[in-house]
Amino acid sequence: MKPGVTLLRVVAVVCTSLALTACGGPMTEEEAAAVEAEALASQEAELGSCGTWSEWLWDGSSISCSPRLGCGTYCDEYGNCDVNPGAFRQQYSYRACFDEYGNYTHTEYQYRTGAFLSCGC
């Protein structure tokens, strides 16, 4: 056989082996979870739909705490320093979901840290 043909056969065998390895074999946990999530999403889409998200709201009392440079820093007796916490509004948004017949099924919520309120928590 000519060296060029042998090289082509070797390349073909290697490429075929790589393709079979990529496409075959047992799924990892991550792959199985991705397939399950995709199936769930398409199943939910078939069942109905959800409305648009509401504007961001605040219930007037829910807060979250996170470090805020504007609130200063503190250091312990060993010289370890950290940023003081600040209080932030915990905001939420919601949307109503319906089945394929237009009947209400559930409400979905999403949350985010909103505007800064004060230093300390």
N, C-alpha and C. Protein backbone atom coordinates (compact mmCIF):
# COMPACT_ATOMS: atom_id res chain seq x y z
N MET A 1 0.83 -1.18 0.00
CA MET A 1 0.00 0.00 0.00
C MET A 1 0.87 1.24 0.00
N LYS A 2 0.38 2.28 -0.63
CA LYS A 2 1.12 3.53 -0.69
C LYS A 2 1.06 4.22 0.67
N PRO A 3 2.11 4.94 1.05
CA PRO A 3 2.12 5.62 2.35
C PRO A 3 0.96 6.60 2.52
N GLY A 4 0.54 7.28 1.46
CA GLY A 4 -0.57 8.24 1.55
C GLY A 4 -1.88 7.56 1.90
N VAL A 5 -2.13 6.38 1.30
CA VAL A 5 -3.37 5.64 1.58
C VAL A 5 -3.35 5.12 3.01
N THR A 6 -2.22 4.64 3.47
CA THR A 6 -2.09 4.14 4.84
C THR A 6 -2.35 5.26 5.83
N LEU A 7 -1.80 6.43 5.56
CA LEU A 7 -2.03 7.58 6.43
C LEU A 7 -3.51 7.93 6.48
N LEU A 8 -4.17 7.94 5.34
CA LEU A 8 -5.61 8.24 5.31
C LEU A 8 -6.41 7.22 6.11
N ARG A 9 -6.03 5.94 6.00
CA ARG A 9 -6.74 4.90 6.78
C ARG A 9 -6.53 5.10 8.28
N VAL A 10 -5.32 5.44 8.67
CA VAL A 10 -5.03 5.67 10.10
C VAL A 10 -5.85 6.86 10.60
N VAL A 11 -5.88 7.94 9.83
CA VAL A 11 -6.65 9.12 10.22
C VAL A 11 -8.13 8.77 10.32
N ALA A 12 -8.64 7.99 9.37
CA ALA A 12 -10.05 7.59 9.39
C ALA A 12 -10.36 6.74 10.62
N VAL A 13 -9.48 5.81 10.94
CA VAL A 13 -9.71 4.95 12.11
C VAL A 13 -9.67 5.79 13.40
N VAL A 14 -8.71 6.70 13.51
CA VAL A 14 -8.62 7.53 14.71
C VAL A 14 -9.85 8.42 14.84
N CYS A 15 -10.27 9.05 13.75
CA CYS A 15 -11.45 9.92 13.80
C CYS A 15 -12.71 9.14 14.15
N THR A 16 -12.85 7.95 13.57
CA THR A 16 -14.01 7.12 13.87
C THR A 16 -14.00 6.70 15.33
N SER A 17 -12.84 6.34 15.85
CA SER A 17 -12.73 5.96 17.27
C SER A 17 -13.10 7.11 18.19
N LEU A 18 -12.60 8.30 17.84
CA LEU A 18 -12.94 9.46 18.66
C LEU A 18 -14.43 9.76 18.61
N ALA A 19 -15.02 9.65 17.45
CA ALA A 19 -16.46 9.92 17.32
C ALA A 19 -17.27 8.91 18.12
N LEU A 20 -16.90 7.65 18.06
CA LEU A 20 -17.63 6.63 18.82
C LEU A 20 -17.47 6.83 20.32
N THR A 21 -16.29 7.23 20.74
CA THR A 21 -16.07 7.50 22.16
C THR A 21 -16.92 8.67 22.62
N ALA A 22 -16.98 9.70 21.78
CA ALA A 22 -17.76 10.89 22.14
C ALA A 22 -19.25 10.60 22.16
N CYS A 23 -19.71 9.72 21.29
CA CYS A 23 -21.14 9.45 21.18
C CYS A 23 -21.60 8.24 21.98
N GLY A 24 -20.71 7.39 22.36
CA GLY A 24 -21.12 6.15 23.01
C GLY A 24 -20.72 6.11 24.46
N GLY A 25 -20.98 4.98 25.05
CA GLY A 25 -20.61 4.78 26.43
C GLY A 25 -21.66 5.31 27.38
N PRO A 26 -21.52 4.97 28.66
CA PRO A 26 -22.51 5.42 29.64
C PRO A 26 -22.43 6.93 29.87
N MET A 27 -23.56 7.51 30.22
CA MET A 27 -23.62 8.95 30.51
C MET A 27 -23.07 9.23 31.89
N THR A 28 -22.43 10.38 32.00
CA THR A 28 -22.00 10.82 33.33
C THR A 28 -23.23 11.38 34.04
N GLU A 29 -23.10 11.64 35.33
CA GLU A 29 -24.21 12.22 36.10
C GLU A 29 -24.60 13.58 35.55
N GLU A 30 -23.60 14.37 35.14
CA GLU A 30 -23.86 15.71 34.59
C GLU A 30 -24.64 15.62 33.29
N GLU A 31 -24.24 14.67 32.42
CA GLU A 31 -24.95 14.50 31.15
C GLU A 31 -26.39 14.06 31.38
N ALA A 32 -26.58 13.14 32.31
CA ALA A 32 -27.93 12.66 32.62
C ALA A 32 -28.79 13.79 33.18
N ALA A 33 -28.21 14.63 34.03
CA ALA A 33 -28.95 15.76 34.60
C ALA A 33 -29.32 16.76 33.52
N ALA A 34 -28.42 16.99 32.56
CA ALA A 34 -28.71 17.93 31.47
C ALA A 34 -29.84 17.40 30.60
N VAL A 35 -29.83 16.11 30.30
CA VAL A 35 -30.89 15.50 29.50
C VAL A 35 -32.22 15.60 30.24
N GLU A 36 -32.20 15.33 31.54
CA GLU A 36 -33.42 15.41 32.35
C GLU A 36 -33.96 16.84 32.40
N ALA A 37 -33.08 17.82 32.56
CA ALA A 37 -33.52 19.22 32.61
C ALA A 37 -34.11 19.65 31.28
N GLU A 38 -33.51 19.21 30.18
CA GLU A 38 -34.03 19.55 28.85
C GLU A 38 -35.41 18.93 28.65
N ALA A 39 -35.56 17.67 29.06
CA ALA A 39 -36.85 17.01 28.93
C ALA A 39 -37.92 17.69 29.78
N LEU A 40 -37.55 18.09 30.99
CA LEU A 40 -38.49 18.77 31.87
C LEU A 40 -38.91 20.11 31.29
N ALA A 41 -37.94 20.85 30.75
CA ALA A 41 -38.26 22.15 30.16
C ALA A 41 -39.20 22.01 28.97
N SER A 42 -38.97 21.01 28.12
CA SER A 42 -39.86 20.84 26.97
C SER A 42 -41.22 20.35 27.42
N GLN A 43 -41.26 19.54 28.47
CA GLN A 43 -42.54 19.06 29.01
C GLN A 43 -43.34 20.22 29.60
N GLU A 44 -42.66 21.11 30.34
CA GLU A 44 -43.34 22.27 30.90
C GLU A 44 -43.86 23.18 29.80
N ALA A 45 -43.08 23.32 28.72
CA ALA A 45 -43.50 24.18 27.62
C ALA A 45 -44.77 23.62 26.96
N GLU A 46 -44.88 22.30 26.89
CA GLU A 46 -46.06 21.68 26.30
C GLU A 46 -47.28 21.85 27.20
N LEU A 47 -47.07 21.92 28.50
CA LEU A 47 -48.19 22.01 29.42
C LEU A 47 -48.87 23.37 29.40
N GLY A 48 -48.16 24.39 29.10
CA GLY A 48 -48.74 25.72 29.12
C GLY A 48 -47.66 26.76 29.09
N SER A 49 -47.97 27.92 29.66
CA SER A 49 -46.99 28.99 29.64
C SER A 49 -47.18 29.88 30.86
N CYS A 50 -46.20 30.75 31.03
CA CYS A 50 -46.24 31.70 32.14
C CYS A 50 -46.32 33.11 31.57
N GLY A 51 -46.91 33.99 32.35
CA GLY A 51 -47.00 35.39 31.96
C GLY A 51 -45.65 36.07 32.09
N THR A 52 -45.62 37.36 31.88
CA THR A 52 -44.38 38.11 32.01
C THR A 52 -44.09 38.36 33.48
N TRP A 53 -42.82 38.60 33.77
CA TRP A 53 -42.41 38.87 35.15
C TRP A 53 -42.93 40.23 35.58
N SER A 54 -43.33 40.32 36.84
CA SER A 54 -43.77 41.60 37.40
C SER A 54 -42.56 42.52 37.58
N GLU A 55 -42.82 43.78 37.93
CA GLU A 55 -41.71 44.67 38.28
C GLU A 55 -41.10 44.17 39.59
N TRP A 56 -39.91 44.64 39.91
CA TRP A 56 -39.26 44.24 41.15
C TRP A 56 -39.96 44.92 42.32
N LEU A 57 -40.32 44.13 43.33
CA LEU A 57 -41.07 44.62 44.48
C LEU A 57 -40.28 44.39 45.76
N TRP A 58 -40.67 45.13 46.82
CA TRP A 58 -40.08 44.93 48.15
C TRP A 58 -41.22 44.92 49.14
N ASP A 59 -41.23 43.95 50.04
CA ASP A 59 -42.33 43.83 51.00
C ASP A 59 -42.21 44.80 52.17
N GLY A 60 -41.15 45.59 52.20
CA GLY A 60 -40.98 46.58 53.24
C GLY A 60 -40.20 46.10 54.44
N SER A 61 -39.89 44.80 54.51
CA SER A 61 -39.18 44.31 55.68
C SER A 61 -38.06 43.33 55.36
N SER A 62 -38.12 42.62 54.26
CA SER A 62 -37.10 41.61 53.95
C SER A 62 -35.80 42.29 53.53
N ILE A 63 -34.71 41.92 54.23
CA ILE A 63 -33.41 42.47 53.91
C ILE A 63 -32.39 41.34 53.77
N SER A 64 -31.30 41.66 53.10
CA SER A 64 -30.16 40.75 53.05
C SER A 64 -28.93 41.56 53.46
N CYS A 65 -27.95 40.89 54.00
CA CYS A 65 -26.74 41.56 54.46
C CYS A 65 -25.56 41.12 53.60
N SER A 66 -24.76 42.08 53.20
CA SER A 66 -23.53 41.80 52.46
C SER A 66 -22.52 42.88 52.79
N PRO A 67 -21.24 42.55 52.59
CA PRO A 67 -20.21 43.54 52.84
C PRO A 67 -20.42 44.77 51.95
N ARG A 68 -20.18 45.95 52.53
CA ARG A 68 -20.29 47.20 51.76
C ARG A 68 -19.14 48.12 52.17
N LEU A 69 -18.30 48.44 51.20
CA LEU A 69 -17.12 49.27 51.49
C LEU A 69 -17.51 50.59 52.12
N GLY A 70 -18.62 51.17 51.72
CA GLY A 70 -19.05 52.45 52.26
C GLY A 70 -19.38 52.40 53.73
N CYS A 71 -19.51 51.20 54.30
CA CYS A 71 -19.83 51.04 55.72
C CYS A 71 -18.57 50.90 56.57
N GLY A 72 -17.41 51.01 55.95
CA GLY A 72 -16.16 50.95 56.70
C GLY A 72 -15.65 49.54 56.88
N THR A 73 -14.58 49.44 57.64
CA THR A 73 -13.96 48.14 57.91
C THR A 73 -13.75 47.99 59.41
N TYR A 74 -13.51 46.77 59.83
CA TYR A 74 -13.18 46.51 61.23
C TYR A 74 -12.05 45.49 61.27
N CYS A 75 -11.28 45.54 62.33
CA CYS A 75 -10.16 44.62 62.49
C CYS A 75 -10.24 43.98 63.88
N ASP A 76 -9.88 42.70 63.95
CA ASP A 76 -9.87 42.05 65.25
C ASP A 76 -8.50 42.26 65.91
N GLU A 77 -8.33 41.70 67.10
CA GLU A 77 -7.10 41.92 67.87
C GLU A 77 -5.88 41.29 67.20
N TYR A 78 -6.09 40.42 66.21
CA TYR A 78 -4.97 39.77 65.51
C TYR A 78 -4.60 40.48 64.22
N GLY A 79 -5.29 41.58 63.92
CA GLY A 79 -4.99 42.33 62.71
C GLY A 79 -5.73 41.86 61.47
N ASN A 80 -6.69 40.93 61.65
CA ASN A 80 -7.49 40.48 60.52
C ASN A 80 -8.61 41.48 60.30
N CYS A 81 -8.66 42.05 59.11
CA CYS A 81 -9.65 43.09 58.82
C CYS A 81 -10.68 42.60 57.81
N ASP A 82 -11.86 43.16 57.92
CA ASP A 82 -12.94 42.81 57.02
C ASP A 82 -13.83 44.03 56.81
N VAL A 83 -14.67 43.95 55.80
CA VAL A 83 -15.58 45.05 55.48
C VAL A 83 -16.86 44.90 56.29
N ASN A 84 -17.35 46.01 56.85
CA ASN A 84 -18.60 45.99 57.62
C ASN A 84 -19.78 45.68 56.70
N PRO A 85 -20.81 45.01 57.23
CA PRO A 85 -21.96 44.67 56.41
C PRO A 85 -22.91 45.85 56.23
N GLY A 86 -23.66 45.77 55.18
CA GLY A 86 -24.71 46.73 54.92
C GLY A 86 -26.01 45.98 54.69
N ALA A 87 -27.12 46.63 54.98
CA ALA A 87 -28.44 46.02 54.78
C ALA A 87 -28.98 46.45 53.40
N PHE A 88 -29.47 45.49 52.65
CA PHE A 88 -30.02 45.73 51.32
C PHE A 88 -31.44 45.18 51.24
N ARG A 89 -32.27 45.83 50.45
CA ARG A 89 -33.62 45.32 50.23
C ARG A 89 -33.54 43.98 49.51
N GLN A 90 -34.31 43.00 49.98
CA GLN A 90 -34.43 41.72 49.28
C GLN A 90 -35.66 41.84 48.39
N GLN A 91 -35.46 42.02 47.10
CA GLN A 91 -36.57 42.24 46.19
C GLN A 91 -37.01 40.94 45.53
N TYR A 92 -38.25 40.94 45.05
CA TYR A 92 -38.77 39.77 44.36
C TYR A 92 -39.61 40.20 43.17
N SER A 93 -39.77 39.27 42.26
CA SER A 93 -40.62 39.45 41.09
C SER A 93 -41.38 38.15 40.93
N TYR A 94 -42.55 38.19 40.33
CA TYR A 94 -43.35 36.98 40.18
C TYR A 94 -44.05 36.95 38.83
N ARG A 95 -44.51 35.77 38.47
CA ARG A 95 -45.34 35.62 37.27
C ARG A 95 -46.27 34.44 37.47
N ALA A 96 -47.44 34.53 36.90
CA ALA A 96 -48.44 33.47 36.99
C ALA A 96 -48.29 32.53 35.80
N CYS A 97 -48.50 31.24 36.05
CA CYS A 97 -48.38 30.23 35.00
C CYS A 97 -49.71 29.52 34.81
N PHE A 98 -49.93 29.07 33.58
CA PHE A 98 -51.22 28.48 33.21
C PHE A 98 -50.99 27.20 32.42
N ASP A 99 -51.96 26.29 32.47
CA ASP A 99 -51.86 25.06 31.69
C ASP A 99 -52.30 25.34 30.25
N GLU A 100 -52.32 24.28 29.43
CA GLU A 100 -52.63 24.46 28.02
C GLU A 100 -54.07 24.92 27.78
N TYR A 101 -54.92 24.83 28.81
CA TYR A 101 -56.32 25.26 28.68
C TYR A 101 -56.54 26.67 29.23
N GLY A 102 -55.47 27.29 29.73
CA GLY A 102 -55.59 28.64 30.26
C GLY A 102 -55.93 28.70 31.73
N ASN A 103 -55.93 27.56 32.42
CA ASN A 103 -56.22 27.52 33.85
C ASN A 103 -54.94 27.82 34.64
N TYR A 104 -55.08 28.63 35.68
CA TYR A 104 -53.95 28.94 36.55
C TYR A 104 -53.41 27.66 37.18
N THR A 105 -52.06 27.51 37.18
CA THR A 105 -51.46 26.33 37.80
C THR A 105 -50.56 26.69 38.99
N HIS A 106 -49.75 27.73 38.86
CA HIS A 106 -48.84 28.09 39.94
C HIS A 106 -48.23 29.47 39.68
N THR A 107 -47.51 29.97 40.68
CA THR A 107 -46.80 31.24 40.56
C THR A 107 -45.32 30.98 40.75
N GLU A 108 -44.50 31.56 39.90
CA GLU A 108 -43.05 31.44 40.01
C GLU A 108 -42.50 32.75 40.58
N TYR A 109 -41.45 32.65 41.39
CA TYR A 109 -40.81 33.81 42.00
C TYR A 109 -39.33 33.82 41.68
N GLN A 110 -38.77 35.01 41.58
CA GLN A 110 -37.32 35.18 41.50
C GLN A 110 -36.93 36.29 42.46
N TYR A 111 -35.70 36.22 42.98
CA TYR A 111 -35.26 37.15 44.01
C TYR A 111 -33.94 37.80 43.62
N ARG A 112 -33.70 38.99 44.14
CA ARG A 112 -32.43 39.67 43.95
C ARG A 112 -32.17 40.64 45.10
N THR A 113 -30.91 40.98 45.26
CA THR A 113 -30.55 42.00 46.24
C THR A 113 -30.80 43.35 45.62
N GLY A 114 -31.57 44.17 46.30
CA GLY A 114 -31.95 45.46 45.76
C GLY A 114 -31.13 46.61 46.33
N ALA A 115 -31.78 47.74 46.52
CA ALA A 115 -31.13 48.98 46.92
C ALA A 115 -30.56 48.90 48.34
N PHE A 116 -29.49 49.63 48.55
CA PHE A 116 -28.84 49.73 49.86
C PHE A 116 -29.75 50.50 50.81
N LEU A 117 -29.88 49.99 52.05
CA LEU A 117 -30.71 50.66 53.06
C LEU A 117 -29.88 51.38 54.11
N SER A 118 -28.96 50.65 54.75
CA SER A 118 -28.17 51.25 55.83
C SER A 118 -26.97 50.38 56.15
N CYS A 119 -26.03 50.93 56.91
CA CYS A 119 -24.91 50.15 57.38
C CYS A 119 -25.34 49.32 58.59
N GLY A 120 -24.77 48.14 58.72
CA GLY A 120 -25.13 47.25 59.82
C GLY A 120 -26.33 46.40 59.45
N CYS A 121 -26.46 45.31 60.15
CA CYS A 121 -27.60 44.40 59.91
C CYS A 121 -28.22 43.97 61.23
